[in-house]
Protein backbone atom coordinates (compact mmCIF):
# COMPACT_ATOMS: atom_id res chain seq x y z
CA MET A 1 -23.75 21.73 26.32
CA PRO A 2 -25.46 24.48 24.27
CA LEU A 3 -27.36 27.13 26.18
CA THR A 4 -30.64 26.02 24.62
CA LEU A 5 -30.20 22.58 26.20
CA ARG A 6 -28.96 23.96 29.52
CA LYS A 7 -32.22 25.90 29.82
CA GLN A 8 -34.26 22.68 29.76
CA LEU A 9 -35.27 21.30 33.12
CA LYS A 10 -34.66 17.71 32.01
CA ASN A 11 -30.93 18.48 31.75
CA HIS A 12 -30.72 19.62 35.39
CA PHE A 13 -30.13 16.72 37.74
CA LEU A 14 -30.90 17.12 41.40
CA ILE A 15 -28.34 15.56 43.73
CA GLY A 16 -30.35 16.27 46.84
CA PHE A 17 -31.35 18.85 49.41
CA VAL A 18 -29.18 19.67 52.40
CA PRO A 19 -31.41 19.12 55.46
CA PHE A 20 -31.87 21.96 57.91
CA GLY A 21 -29.07 21.95 60.46
CA ALA A 22 -26.83 19.67 58.39
CA LYS A 23 -23.35 20.57 57.15
CA PHE A 24 -22.73 20.98 53.43
CA ASN A 25 -19.36 19.21 53.63
CA ASP A 26 -20.96 16.09 55.12
CA PHE A 27 -23.66 16.15 52.45
CA ILE A 28 -21.37 16.59 49.44
CA GLU A 29 -18.60 14.17 50.43
CA PRO A 30 -20.25 10.99 48.99
CA VAL A 31 -20.85 12.84 45.72
CA LEU A 32 -17.21 13.92 45.55
CA GLN A 33 -16.12 10.33 46.14
CA ASP A 34 -18.12 9.26 43.07
CA ILE A 35 -16.52 12.07 41.04
CA LYS A 36 -13.12 10.85 42.22
CA ARG A 37 -13.94 7.39 40.84
CA LEU A 38 -15.03 9.01 37.57
CA GLU A 39 -11.65 10.76 37.28
CA LYS A 40 -10.03 7.33 37.07
CA GLY A 41 -12.52 6.13 34.47
CA LEU A 42 -15.54 3.82 34.56
CA ILE A 43 -17.08 1.29 32.20
CA MET A 44 -20.77 2.10 31.72
CA GLN A 45 -23.49 0.20 29.90
CA THR A 46 -25.18 2.16 27.11
CA LEU A 47 -27.70 1.32 24.40
CA ASN A 48 -24.79 0.85 21.99
CA GLY A 49 -22.77 -1.39 24.31
CA ASN A 50 -20.16 -0.75 26.97
CA ALA A 51 -18.34 2.57 26.98
CA PHE A 52 -15.33 3.82 28.92
CA VAL A 53 -16.23 7.15 30.53
CA ILE A 54 -13.85 9.54 32.22
CA GLY A 55 -14.67 12.96 33.62
CA SER A 56 -14.17 15.44 36.39
CA ILE A 57 -15.75 18.46 37.99
CA GLY A 58 -16.25 21.48 35.74
CA CYS A 59 -17.37 24.93 36.80
CA VAL A 60 -18.89 25.40 40.24
CA THR A 61 -21.30 28.32 40.55
CA ALA A 62 -22.13 29.56 44.02
CA ASP A 63 -23.02 32.87 45.55
CA LEU A 64 -21.25 34.50 48.48
CA PRO A 65 -20.35 33.27 51.04
CA GLN A 66 -20.76 29.64 49.92
CA GLY A 67 -18.44 30.19 46.96
CA ASN A 68 -15.59 31.28 49.21
CA ASP A 69 -16.21 28.32 51.51
CA ILE A 70 -15.93 25.86 48.63
CA ALA A 71 -12.77 27.61 47.36
CA ASP A 72 -11.25 27.39 50.88
CA VAL A 73 -10.99 31.19 51.05
CA LYS A 74 -12.10 33.32 53.99
CA ARG A 75 -15.43 35.11 53.80
CA HIS A 76 -15.68 38.24 51.65
CA ASN A 77 -15.60 40.57 54.66
CA ALA A 78 -12.09 39.39 55.65
CA LYS A 79 -8.97 41.39 54.76
CA TYR A 80 -8.25 39.07 51.83
CA GLY A 81 -11.73 37.84 51.02
CA CYS A 82 -11.57 37.53 47.23
CA ARG A 83 -11.23 34.02 45.85
CA SER A 84 -9.77 35.26 42.55
CA CYS A 85 -7.00 37.59 43.70
CA ASN A 86 -5.19 38.87 46.78
CA VAL A 87 -6.75 42.32 46.83
CA PRO A 88 -7.04 43.65 50.41
CA ASN A 89 -10.43 44.95 51.44
CA ASP A 90 -9.13 48.53 51.61
CA GLN A 91 -8.23 48.36 47.90
CA TYR A 92 -11.60 47.21 46.57
CA THR A 93 -12.27 50.68 45.18
CA ASN A 94 -8.80 51.19 43.71
CA ILE A 95 -9.23 51.10 39.95
CA ASP A 96 -5.45 50.93 39.43
CA TYR A 97 -5.04 47.76 41.48
CA ASN A 98 -3.51 45.06 39.28
CA TYR A 99 -5.75 42.11 40.04
CA ILE A 100 -4.10 40.04 37.30
CA LYS A 101 -0.59 40.47 38.72
CA ASN A 102 -1.90 39.69 42.21
CA ALA A 103 -4.16 36.83 41.19
CA ARG A 104 -4.46 33.70 43.28
CA PHE A 105 -3.00 30.52 41.75
CA HIS A 106 -3.86 27.01 42.79
CA GLN A 107 -0.26 25.81 43.15
CA GLN A 108 0.63 28.77 45.38
CA THR A 109 -2.42 28.19 47.54
CA GLU A 110 -1.46 24.53 47.96
CA LYS A 111 1.97 25.56 49.28
CA GLN A 112 0.32 28.02 51.65
CA PHE A 113 -1.93 25.27 53.02
CA ILE A 114 1.13 23.08 53.60
CA GLU A 115 2.79 25.96 55.44
CA ILE A 116 -0.30 26.53 57.59
CA LYS A 117 -0.54 22.83 58.43
CA SER A 118 3.14 22.68 59.44
CA GLN A 119 2.62 25.17 62.29
CA HIS A 120 2.66 23.56 65.73
CA SER A 121 0.19 25.83 67.52
CA LYS A 122 -3.38 26.78 66.68
CA ILE A 123 -2.55 30.48 67.10
CA ASP A 124 0.21 30.26 64.48
CA ARG A 125 -2.08 28.42 62.07
CA GLU A 126 -4.78 31.07 62.48
CA ARG A 127 -2.23 33.85 62.01
CA LEU A 128 -0.98 32.39 58.72
CA ALA A 129 -4.52 31.67 57.54
CA THR A 130 -5.43 35.32 58.17
CA LYS A 131 -2.28 36.46 56.38
CA TYR A 132 -3.13 34.46 53.25
CA GLY A 133 -6.91 34.90 53.47
CA LEU A 134 -7.46 31.12 53.58
CA LEU A 135 -9.29 28.69 55.80
CA ILE A 136 -7.21 26.76 58.30
CA GLU A 137 -7.96 23.47 56.52
CA PRO A 138 -9.09 22.88 52.93
CA GLY A 139 -12.57 21.49 52.40
CA PRO A 140 -13.70 18.17 50.90
CA PHE A 141 -13.08 19.31 47.31
CA LYS A 142 -9.34 18.88 47.92
CA MET A 143 -9.63 15.22 46.88
CA LEU A 144 -10.45 16.22 43.28
CA LYS A 145 -8.32 17.34 40.36
CA TRP A 146 -9.37 20.93 40.07
CA ASP A 147 -8.32 24.58 40.30
CA ARG A 148 -10.18 26.18 43.21
CA HIS A 149 -9.60 29.74 41.95
CA LEU A 150 -10.36 29.22 38.28
CA GLN A 151 -13.27 26.81 38.56
CA ILE A 152 -15.26 28.77 41.16
CA PRO A 153 -15.64 32.24 39.63
CA GLN A 154 -17.78 34.90 41.26
CA ASP A 155 -21.38 34.43 40.19
CA PRO A 156 -22.25 37.22 37.72
CA TYR A 157 -25.98 36.77 38.18
CA HIS A 158 -26.02 37.59 41.88
CA SER A 159 -23.26 40.18 41.80
CA MET A 160 -24.45 42.14 38.76
CA ALA A 161 -28.15 41.94 39.57
CA GLY A 162 -27.38 42.62 43.23
CA LYS A 163 -25.50 45.75 42.21
CA ALA A 164 -28.49 46.87 40.15
CA ARG A 165 -30.80 46.24 43.11
CA THR A 166 -28.58 48.39 45.35
CA LEU A 167 -28.54 51.15 42.75
CA LEU A 168 -32.34 50.98 42.60
CA GLU A 169 -32.52 51.33 46.36
CA VAL A 170 -30.18 54.33 46.35
CA THR A 171 -32.09 55.98 43.50
CA PHE A 172 -35.50 55.62 45.11
CA ASN A 173 -34.14 56.89 48.42
CA ILE A 174 -33.09 60.23 46.89
CA PHE A 175 -36.60 60.90 45.54
CA ASN A 176 -38.92 63.12 47.50
CA THR A 177 -42.67 62.45 47.61
CA ASN A 178 -43.24 64.27 44.33
CA GLY A 179 -40.47 62.24 42.72
CA GLU A 180 -41.93 58.93 43.89
CA ASN A 181 -45.41 59.82 42.66
CA ALA A 182 -44.08 61.00 39.30
CA PHE A 183 -42.01 57.83 38.88
CA ILE A 184 -45.02 55.60 39.60
CA GLU A 185 -47.16 57.52 37.10
CA TYR A 186 -44.62 57.29 34.30
CA TRP A 187 -43.70 53.68 35.14
CA LYS A 188 -47.32 52.63 34.68
CA ASN A 189 -47.50 54.19 31.22
CA ILE A 190 -44.10 53.43 29.72
CA GLU A 191 -44.09 50.90 26.88
CA LYS A 192 -43.28 47.42 28.18
CA PRO A 193 -42.80 44.21 26.15
CA SER A 194 -46.18 42.50 25.89
CA HIS A 195 -44.88 39.12 27.10
CA TRP A 196 -43.69 40.53 30.43
CA TYR A 197 -45.93 39.73 33.36
CA ARG A 198 -47.22 42.71 35.28
CA MET A 199 -44.71 43.75 37.94
CA PRO A 200 -45.83 45.43 41.16
CA ASN A 201 -45.07 49.03 42.08
CA PRO A 202 -41.24 49.26 42.19
CA VAL A 203 -41.22 52.10 44.71
CA ARG A 204 -43.21 50.28 47.37
CA TYR A 205 -42.64 46.60 46.59
CA ARG A 206 -39.07 46.48 45.26
CA GLN A 207 -37.89 44.47 48.28
CA SER A 208 -39.95 41.51 47.04
CA PHE A 209 -38.49 41.62 43.51
CA MET A 210 -36.69 38.59 42.14
CA PHE A 211 -33.40 39.29 40.39
CA SER A 212 -35.12 38.78 37.04
CA ASP A 213 -37.53 41.58 37.98
CA VAL A 214 -34.60 43.83 38.89
CA LEU A 215 -32.94 43.18 35.53
CA ARG A 216 -36.13 44.01 33.65
CA LEU A 217 -36.64 47.18 35.64
CA THR A 218 -33.07 48.21 34.85
CA MET A 219 -33.78 47.98 31.11
CA LEU A 220 -36.45 50.69 31.45
CA MET A 221 -35.03 52.88 34.23
CA PRO A 222 -32.99 55.16 31.89
CA PHE A 223 -36.08 55.89 29.79
CA VAL A 224 -38.37 56.52 32.77
CA LEU A 225 -35.87 58.91 34.36
CA ARG A 226 -35.25 60.62 31.03
CA ARG A 227 -38.98 61.32 30.69
CA PHE A 228 -39.90 62.81 34.03
CA LEU A 229 -36.95 63.53 36.32
CA LYS A 230 -36.38 67.16 37.28
CA PRO A 231 -34.26 68.66 40.10
CA TYR A 232 -37.37 69.33 42.18
CA HIS A 233 -38.05 65.55 42.29
CA ILE A 234 -34.84 65.03 44.31
CA LYS A 235 -34.52 65.74 48.02
CA LYS A 236 -32.91 69.12 48.73
CA GLU A 237 -30.39 67.69 51.20
CA VAL A 238 -29.20 65.24 48.54
CA LEU A 239 -28.70 68.02 45.99
CA ASN A 240 -26.83 70.08 48.58
CA ASN A 241 -24.54 67.17 49.46
CA TRP A 242 -23.77 66.52 45.78
CA ASN A 243 -22.98 70.18 45.31
CA MET A 244 -20.70 70.41 48.36
CA GLU A 245 -18.89 67.07 48.08
CA GLN A 246 -18.72 66.47 44.32
CA ASN A 247 -19.45 69.92 42.89
CA ILE A 248 -22.50 68.63 41.02
CA LYS A 249 -24.91 71.46 40.25
CA GLN A 250 -28.67 71.00 40.30
CA ASN A 251 -28.98 71.41 36.55
CA SER A 252 -26.47 68.62 35.87
CA ALA A 253 -27.63 66.27 38.65
CA VAL A 254 -30.49 64.86 36.57
CA LEU A 255 -28.25 64.39 33.54
CA LYS A 256 -25.62 62.52 35.56
CA LEU A 257 -28.22 60.24 37.14
CA CYS A 258 -29.70 59.36 33.74
CA THR A 259 -26.20 58.74 32.36
CA CYS A 260 -25.41 56.52 35.33
CA TRP A 261 -28.47 54.35 34.66
CA ALA A 262 -27.75 54.21 30.93
CA ILE A 263 -24.26 52.85 31.65
CA GLU A 264 -25.62 50.38 34.18
CA ALA A 265 -28.26 49.10 31.75
CA LYS A 266 -25.70 48.71 28.96
CA VAL A 267 -23.27 46.86 31.25
CA LEU A 268 -25.98 44.36 32.16
CA LYS A 269 -26.94 43.93 28.50
CA LEU A 270 -23.34 43.07 27.58
CA ALA A 271 -22.77 40.98 30.70
CA PHE A 272 -25.65 38.65 29.87
CA SER A 273 -25.02 38.39 26.12
CA ASN A 274 -25.25 34.89 24.65
CA THR A 275 -22.11 35.42 22.58
CA MET A 276 -19.08 37.65 23.03
CA THR A 277 -16.36 38.83 20.67
CA GLU A 278 -13.07 40.60 21.32
CA SER A 279 -14.72 43.97 20.72
CA VAL A 280 -17.47 43.10 23.22
CA TYR A 281 -14.86 42.17 25.84
CA GLN A 282 -13.15 45.52 25.34
CA GLU A 283 -16.43 47.44 25.39
CA LEU A 284 -17.47 45.69 28.61
CA GLN A 285 -14.12 46.56 30.18
CA GLU A 286 -14.49 50.23 29.23
CA LEU A 287 -18.07 50.41 30.48
CA LEU A 288 -17.10 48.83 33.78
CA LYS A 289 -14.44 51.52 34.19
CA ARG A 290 -16.95 54.26 33.40
CA GLU A 291 -19.37 52.69 35.83
CA TYR A 292 -16.63 52.54 38.45
CA GLU A 293 -16.05 56.27 38.17
CA ILE A 294 -19.70 56.84 39.07
CA LEU A 295 -20.22 53.96 41.50
CA ILE A 296 -16.89 53.75 43.28
CA GLN A 297 -18.18 51.43 45.96
CA PHE A 298 -18.79 48.72 43.37
CA GLY A 299 -15.34 48.70 41.83
CA TYR A 300 -14.80 44.97 42.31
CA HIS A 301 -16.88 44.31 39.19
CA ILE A 302 -13.91 45.34 37.07
CA SER A 303 -12.79 41.68 37.25
CA LYS A 304 -15.97 40.53 35.46
CA ALA A 305 -14.40 41.15 32.05
CA ASN A 306 -11.62 38.70 32.92
CA HIS A 307 -14.16 36.06 34.02
CA ALA A 308 -15.97 36.54 30.71
CA ARG A 309 -12.76 35.74 28.82
CA ASN A 310 -12.10 32.65 30.94
CA PHE A 311 -15.55 31.17 30.32
CA ALA A 312 -16.42 32.72 26.91
CA THR A 313 -19.42 34.58 28.36
CA LEU A 314 -20.55 35.62 31.82
CA LEU A 315 -23.77 33.77 31.08
CA ASN A 316 -21.87 30.47 31.26
CA THR A 317 -20.99 31.05 34.92
CA ALA A 318 -24.22 32.74 36.02
CA VAL A 319 -26.82 30.88 38.05
CA GLY A 320 -29.91 32.44 36.52
CA VAL A 321 -31.35 29.08 35.47
CA LYS A 322 -30.65 27.53 38.86
CA GLU A 323 -32.28 30.57 40.45
CA MET A 324 -35.49 29.80 38.57
CA VAL A 325 -35.29 26.12 39.58
CA HIS A 326 -34.90 27.27 43.17
CA ARG A 327 -37.96 29.48 42.76
CA ILE A 328 -40.03 26.52 41.55
CA PHE A 329 -39.08 24.48 44.60
CA LYS A 330 -39.85 27.40 46.92
CA ASN A 331 -43.34 27.59 45.43
CA MET A 332 -43.87 23.91 46.31
CA VAL A 333 -43.11 24.36 50.01
CA PRO A 334 -46.51 25.83 51.08
CA HIS A 335 -48.23 22.73 49.65
CA MET A 336 -46.28 20.30 51.87
CA ASN A 337 -46.65 19.11 55.44
CA CYS A 338 -43.45 21.07 56.28
CA LYS A 339 -42.03 18.17 58.32
CA VAL A 340 -39.45 16.52 56.07
CA ILE A 341 -39.33 19.06 53.27
CA GLU A 342 -36.16 17.77 51.62
CA LEU A 343 -37.68 14.28 51.26
CA ASP A 344 -40.96 15.59 49.83
CA LEU A 345 -39.16 17.82 47.31
CA THR A 346 -36.96 14.93 46.23
CA LYS A 347 -40.01 12.70 45.65
CA ARG A 348 -41.65 15.36 43.49
CA TYR A 349 -38.49 15.88 41.48
CA ASN A 350 -37.88 12.16 40.93
CA THR A 351 -41.47 11.71 39.72
CA LEU A 352 -41.03 14.52 37.21
CA GLN A 353 -37.70 13.14 35.96
CA ALA A 354 -39.22 9.67 35.58
CA LEU A 355 -42.01 11.07 33.40
CA ARG A 356 -39.51 12.89 31.22
CA HIS A 357 -37.39 9.75 30.99
CA LEU A 358 -40.34 7.79 29.62
CA ILE A 359 -41.62 10.54 27.34
CA ASP A 360 -38.17 10.85 25.76
CA GLY A 361 -38.68 7.33 24.44
CA TRP A 362 -36.86 5.30 27.08
CA THR A 363 -38.33 2.10 28.42
CA ASP A 364 -38.36 0.42 31.81
CA PRO A 365 -36.46 -2.90 31.57
CA ARG A 366 -38.82 -4.39 34.16
CA PHE A 367 -41.70 -4.30 31.66
CA SER A 368 -41.80 -5.83 28.19
CA THR A 369 -44.27 -3.31 26.75
CA ARG A 370 -45.30 0.28 27.30
CA THR A 371 -48.73 0.87 28.77
CA ASN A 372 -51.44 2.66 26.83
CA ALA A 373 -51.36 5.49 29.37
CA LEU A 374 -47.72 6.23 28.59
CA ASN A 375 -48.37 6.03 24.87
CA ASN A 376 -51.23 8.51 25.23
CA ILE A 377 -49.02 10.91 27.19
CA ASN A 378 -46.31 10.67 24.58
CA THR A 379 -48.70 11.55 21.75
CA ASP A 380 -50.47 14.41 23.52
CA PRO A 381 -48.86 17.58 22.06
CA ILE A 382 -49.70 19.75 25.06
CA LEU A 383 -48.30 17.36 27.67
CA ARG A 384 -45.27 16.65 25.53
CA THR A 385 -44.51 20.37 25.34
CA ILE A 386 -44.72 20.68 29.11
CA PHE A 387 -42.58 17.65 29.88
CA SER A 388 -39.96 17.94 27.14
CA GLY A 389 -39.22 21.65 27.26
CA TRP A 390 -38.12 24.30 29.69
CA TYR A 391 -40.84 25.62 31.95
CA ALA A 392 -39.68 29.27 31.82
CA THR A 393 -39.65 29.97 28.08
CA GLU A 394 -40.99 33.07 26.41
CA SER A 395 -43.72 30.99 24.77
CA LEU A 396 -45.03 29.01 27.75
CA SER A 397 -48.35 30.86 27.67
CA ILE A 398 -48.97 29.69 24.11
CA THR A 399 -49.86 26.17 25.17
CA ILE A 400 -52.19 27.53 27.81
CA ASN A 401 -53.64 30.03 25.37
CA ASN A 402 -54.57 27.29 22.92
CA GLN A 403 -56.76 25.76 25.60
CA LYS A 404 -58.28 28.94 27.00
CA ASN A 405 -59.32 30.79 23.86
CA VAL A 406 -62.91 31.88 24.19
CA GLU A 407 -65.11 29.79 21.96
CA ASP A 408 -67.11 32.70 20.56
CA GLU A 409 -63.86 34.37 19.46
CA ARG A 410 -62.77 31.42 17.34
CA ASP A 411 -64.00 30.15 14.03
CA ASP A 412 -64.22 26.48 13.21
CA SER A 413 -62.47 27.11 9.88
CA ILE A 414 -58.76 26.31 9.89
CA THR A 415 -56.20 28.99 9.11
CA VAL A 416 -53.20 27.86 7.07
CA CYS A 417 -49.97 29.33 5.77
CA HIS A 418 -48.51 28.91 2.30
CA ASP A 419 -45.28 27.90 4.06
CA GLU A 420 -45.81 24.35 5.35
CA ASN A 421 -43.34 24.97 8.21
CA PHE A 422 -45.88 27.29 9.87
CA ILE A 423 -48.53 25.25 11.65
CA ASP A 424 -51.01 25.36 14.58
CA ILE A 425 -52.22 28.86 13.72
CA SER A 426 -54.81 30.24 16.12
CA PHE A 427 -56.20 33.65 17.03
CA SER A 428 -57.64 35.30 20.12
CA ASN A 429 -59.35 38.57 21.06
CA LYS A 430 -61.44 39.00 17.94
CA TRP A 431 -62.22 42.65 17.15
CA ASN A 432 -65.81 43.80 16.87
CA ASN A 433 -66.97 46.44 14.41
CA LYS A 434 -66.49 49.28 16.88
CA LYS A 435 -62.90 48.26 17.59
CA VAL A 436 -62.13 47.91 13.88
CA ARG A 437 -63.52 51.37 13.10
CA SER A 438 -61.60 52.93 16.01
CA MET A 439 -58.39 51.69 14.40
CA GLY A 440 -59.32 53.34 11.09
CA LEU A 441 -60.00 50.00 9.41
CA SER A 442 -62.96 48.23 7.84
CA LYS A 443 -64.06 44.61 7.69
CA LYS A 444 -64.90 45.11 4.01
CA LEU A 445 -62.18 45.50 1.41
CA ASP A 446 -62.33 48.72 -0.60
CA ALA A 447 -60.68 48.48 -4.02
CA ASP A 448 -59.70 52.16 -3.83
CA HIS A 449 -58.00 51.84 -0.44
CA PRO A 450 -54.22 51.20 -0.10
CA PHE A 451 -55.11 48.30 2.22
CA PHE A 452 -56.62 46.45 -0.78
CA ARG A 453 -53.56 47.19 -2.90
CA ASP A 454 -51.16 45.84 -0.27
CA LEU A 455 -53.21 42.70 0.32
CA TYR A 456 -53.34 42.01 -3.40
CA GLU A 457 -49.57 42.53 -3.65
CA ALA A 458 -49.10 40.09 -0.76
CA TYR A 459 -51.11 37.43 -2.60
CA THR A 460 -49.24 38.13 -5.82
CA GLY A 461 -45.73 38.33 -4.43
CA PHE A 462 -45.76 35.71 -1.69
CA LEU A 463 -48.68 33.34 -2.33
CA ASP A 464 -48.27 33.29 -6.13
CA SER A 465 -51.93 34.16 -6.64
CA LYS A 466 -52.57 36.88 -9.23
CA ALA A 467 -56.33 36.45 -9.53
CA THR A 468 -58.75 39.13 -8.41
CA LEU A 469 -59.73 38.83 -4.75
CA LEU A 470 -63.28 37.49 -4.72
CA ASN A 471 -63.88 37.55 -0.98
CA LYS A 472 -64.07 41.07 0.45
CA ASN A 473 -64.49 40.11 4.12
CA LEU A 474 -61.74 40.47 6.73
CA GLU A 475 -61.51 39.23 10.32
CA PHE A 476 -59.30 41.18 12.74
CA TYR A 477 -57.79 39.86 15.98
CA GLY A 478 -55.74 41.15 18.88
CA SER A 479 -53.19 38.32 18.92
CA ILE A 480 -52.01 35.27 17.00
CA THR A 481 -50.07 32.16 17.94
CA TYR A 482 -48.36 29.66 15.65
CA THR A 483 -45.56 27.11 15.59
CA VAL A 484 -42.52 27.27 13.31
CA ILE A 485 -40.88 23.96 12.41
CA LYS A 486 -37.08 24.19 12.24
CA SER A 487 -34.92 21.44 10.76
CA ASN A 488 -32.55 19.89 13.32
CA GLN A 489 -33.84 22.33 15.95
CA ASP A 490 -36.63 22.56 18.47
CA ASN A 491 -39.90 23.93 17.14
CA ILE A 492 -40.48 27.60 17.92
CA GLN A 493 -43.81 28.66 19.39
CA ILE A 494 -44.58 32.31 18.69
CA LYS A 495 -47.25 34.55 20.16
CA LEU A 496 -47.63 38.09 18.82
CA ARG A 497 -50.01 40.89 19.73
CA VAL A 498 -51.07 44.09 18.04
CA GLY A 499 -48.59 46.75 19.10
CA ASP A 500 -45.59 44.39 19.30
CA VAL A 501 -42.43 45.51 17.53
CA VAL A 502 -40.64 42.97 15.34
CA GLU A 503 -37.44 42.87 13.35
CA LEU A 504 -37.49 41.77 9.70
CA CYS A 505 -34.91 41.29 6.99
CA GLU A 506 -35.05 44.09 4.42
CA GLU A 507 -33.16 44.30 1.13
CA THR A 508 -31.71 47.80 1.54
CA GLU A 509 -31.43 48.28 5.33
CA GLY A 510 -30.60 44.69 6.32
CA ILE A 511 -32.55 44.62 9.58
CA ALA A 512 -35.71 46.73 9.59
CA TYR A 513 -38.15 47.32 12.44
CA ALA A 514 -41.92 47.53 12.34
CA LYS A 515 -44.85 47.70 14.75
CA ILE A 516 -47.75 45.31 14.23
CA ALA A 517 -50.71 47.57 13.40
CA SER A 518 -53.23 44.77 12.89
CA ILE A 519 -53.57 41.00 12.65
CA PHE A 520 -56.21 39.63 10.31
CA ARG A 521 -57.15 36.68 8.16
CA HIS A 522 -58.72 36.52 4.73
CA GLN A 523 -60.36 33.74 2.76
CA ALA A 524 -58.54 33.28 -0.53
CA ASN A 525 -60.12 32.24 -3.82
CA ASN A 526 -59.19 28.61 -3.10
CA GLY A 527 -61.42 28.66 0.00
CA LYS A 528 -58.55 28.56 2.51
CA TYR A 529 -58.01 31.15 5.23
CA TYR A 530 -54.60 32.85 5.35
CA ALA A 531 -53.22 35.01 8.17
CA PHE A 532 -51.51 38.36 7.59
CA PHE A 533 -49.79 41.15 9.49
CA SER A 534 -50.17 44.85 8.80
CA PHE A 535 -47.05 46.81 9.76
CA ASN A 536 -46.17 50.40 10.54
CA TRP A 537 -42.50 50.77 9.65
CA PHE A 538 -39.79 52.52 11.65
CA GLN A 539 -37.47 54.76 9.66
CA ALA A 540 -33.91 55.31 10.92
CA THR A 541 -32.84 58.92 11.44
CA ASN A 542 -29.13 58.04 11.79
CA THR A 543 -29.02 60.07 15.01
CA PHE A 544 -28.65 59.03 18.65
CA ASP A 545 -30.03 60.22 21.95
CA PRO A 546 -27.16 62.21 23.52
CA VAL A 547 -27.69 60.78 27.02
CA LEU A 548 -28.89 57.21 26.43
CA GLU A 549 -26.77 56.71 23.27
CA CYS A 550 -29.64 54.79 21.67
CA PRO A 551 -30.60 55.27 17.98
CA LEU A 552 -33.61 57.41 17.13
CA TYR A 553 -36.37 56.37 14.69
CA ASN A 554 -39.55 57.84 13.24
CA ILE A 555 -42.60 55.65 12.84
CA GLN A 556 -44.58 55.66 9.63
CA LYS A 557 -47.46 58.14 9.49
CA PRO A 558 -50.98 56.76 8.85
CA GLU A 559 -51.26 58.57 5.52
CA GLU A 560 -47.88 57.35 4.23
CA SER A 561 -48.19 54.56 1.68
CA ARG A 562 -44.76 54.36 0.05
CA TRP A 563 -43.96 51.11 1.88
CA PHE A 564 -45.98 47.93 1.57
CA GLN A 565 -47.56 47.15 4.92
CA ILE A 566 -49.25 43.75 4.58
CA PHE A 567 -47.23 40.53 4.75
CA PRO A 568 -48.02 36.86 5.46
CA ILE A 569 -47.10 35.48 8.87
CA ASN A 570 -44.02 33.58 7.64
CA PHE A 571 -42.16 36.90 7.61
CA ILE A 572 -41.79 36.46 11.38
CA ASN A 573 -40.16 33.08 12.00
CA HIS A 574 -38.58 33.76 15.41
CA ILE A 575 -39.47 35.27 18.76
CA PRO A 576 -38.81 39.03 18.50
CA TYR A 577 -36.11 40.49 20.75
CA VAL A 578 -36.57 44.19 20.14
CA HIS A 579 -38.14 47.00 22.13
CA PHE A 580 -38.96 50.62 21.26
CA VAL A 581 -39.85 53.49 23.59
CA HIS A 582 -41.61 56.69 22.59
CA ASN A 583 -39.25 59.67 22.40
CA CYS A 584 -41.35 61.94 24.58
CA THR A 585 -40.96 65.72 24.39
CA ASN A 586 -42.30 68.55 26.52
CA ILE A 587 -45.65 68.20 24.74
CA CYS A 588 -46.02 64.63 26.06
CA ASN A 589 -47.32 64.30 29.60
CA VAL A 590 -48.32 60.88 30.90
CA GLU A 591 -50.08 60.21 27.59
CA HIS A 592 -48.08 60.39 24.36
CA ASP A 593 -48.47 63.17 21.84
CA GLU A 594 -49.66 61.28 18.76
CA THR A 595 -48.20 63.92 16.44
CA ASN A 596 -44.75 63.08 17.78
CA ARG A 597 -43.59 60.19 15.57
CA GLY A 598 -40.21 59.83 17.29
CA TYR A 599 -39.15 56.57 18.97
CA ILE A 600 -35.99 55.30 20.66
CA LEU A 601 -34.61 51.81 20.04
CA ASN A 602 -33.97 50.28 23.46
CA LYS A 603 -30.39 49.03 23.14
CA PHE A 604 -30.52 47.84 26.75
CA TYR A 605 -33.19 45.22 26.05
CA TYR A 606 -32.38 41.51 26.29
CA ASN A 607 -33.99 38.33 27.53
CA ALA A 608 -33.49 38.31 31.29
CA VAL A 609 -33.84 34.92 32.97
């Protein structure tokens, strides 16, 4: 199933909740019996007639220690507590350990279970189980056709994000009071993607962070540290220990810490890539080795590159989506009577699935016709978006925004696009005259201003309108939302704000980057309103930051007019996945030096779950 479909809640089917005090094996056994029947094949009734269906269990994702329990391997704190290989616990940090040569294989494990079972005394069975790192008896999954070591890989989401959380904890613990205060100040002011929700203070509230929060914080940590960190922000005893034990001088301590975070951020970016190639596998392997040299206690992550090859990407075996489903159910608990929680949660889930079943066009065989209420739900675009899509998309706020726009900020006139695939265009946060002037703009077109020239060129080049612009009035807004219709794909809902950075196709550079300087609409000669973006372009310098290894750019100066800046909204037909950070120098304090036009492309940025 494609990742886009796996992210939709309607494609996640709840088996049930394990009641408090119950055993997982007792709960899952009836389900496994049904899977066993499916392995032999079943005849099922479908809309197109009877069909013979055969299947089996696929990939099981579970965090420690449940994953080891399902794989019939001892817990991870045992001598042989890895369910993928036979590495002893005293070799976890040995980078030369050949985990492929010493891998666990299903057929060997089966023989070991037979040997354990053949022992006559309980002491002998426990001794052999300890020797092999296995449970005394295999669990209920033994009835299935499966490979316990291949089909239950370590969960990358918990292990990689958990590693990042531990690194965050270690980093914050080495700061002194001045370091903590400086971090908070720079964290508040660093450029963050506009669609991120506001995260609490990482120094004081990091223990309450979800893994998705940790991953987002990791994307920005190298840049925050690069901006402010000095040796006097680190505790003296820490610097002394580094100097005595690892011969790290004070002057190089900051550089090594920034490098460490840059490697960590890049590892996470590659680990959660949607697609992987052979070069990406190799790069991930090399980065994990470099990371190991810095973070020796986390050496077991070297095996992640092998898991990525087995399942195409680490994203395919991560439980990020299930983590968000779990979060939704946790939010429901305070609104229940807290007596039979598993039953209440199941009722809520079944109700939601039934609604989706009906909205998807299915009918109830008990009724000959659909009620008007169901027909109304199916035609309501807002409800259909909620019930048919995934509740944690980047564009969820768009549906809400369409309802909550302030009436005095909207005009009754409809805004259109010359491309018929761009629909439902709406604006919010209309700029007043003072705001427009503060941005160096005017609500009246001036024929001698480059803004007029670019707008005319946009009409001529993209809207095929070469007539003189009769209407001189402009309306500026802080944000815009619209829907892009894609053939054979789900519609894309886009929300953009002034200050967002977008990527566009350019004839000479291929992919070019620009910051949205303004969003406005103009009434054309045909009486229709059209929406436009005004861009400030980034120019590549073909150089890289020596520590972060991210490319450096210069943003267009206000007086520069060699590039056209105004384009219709159809130039952005996808949700942007790009992030830039100001390349601060000594002149920049908390606020940026506006004369410094340098920016860094954040190569660590990706869409965390």
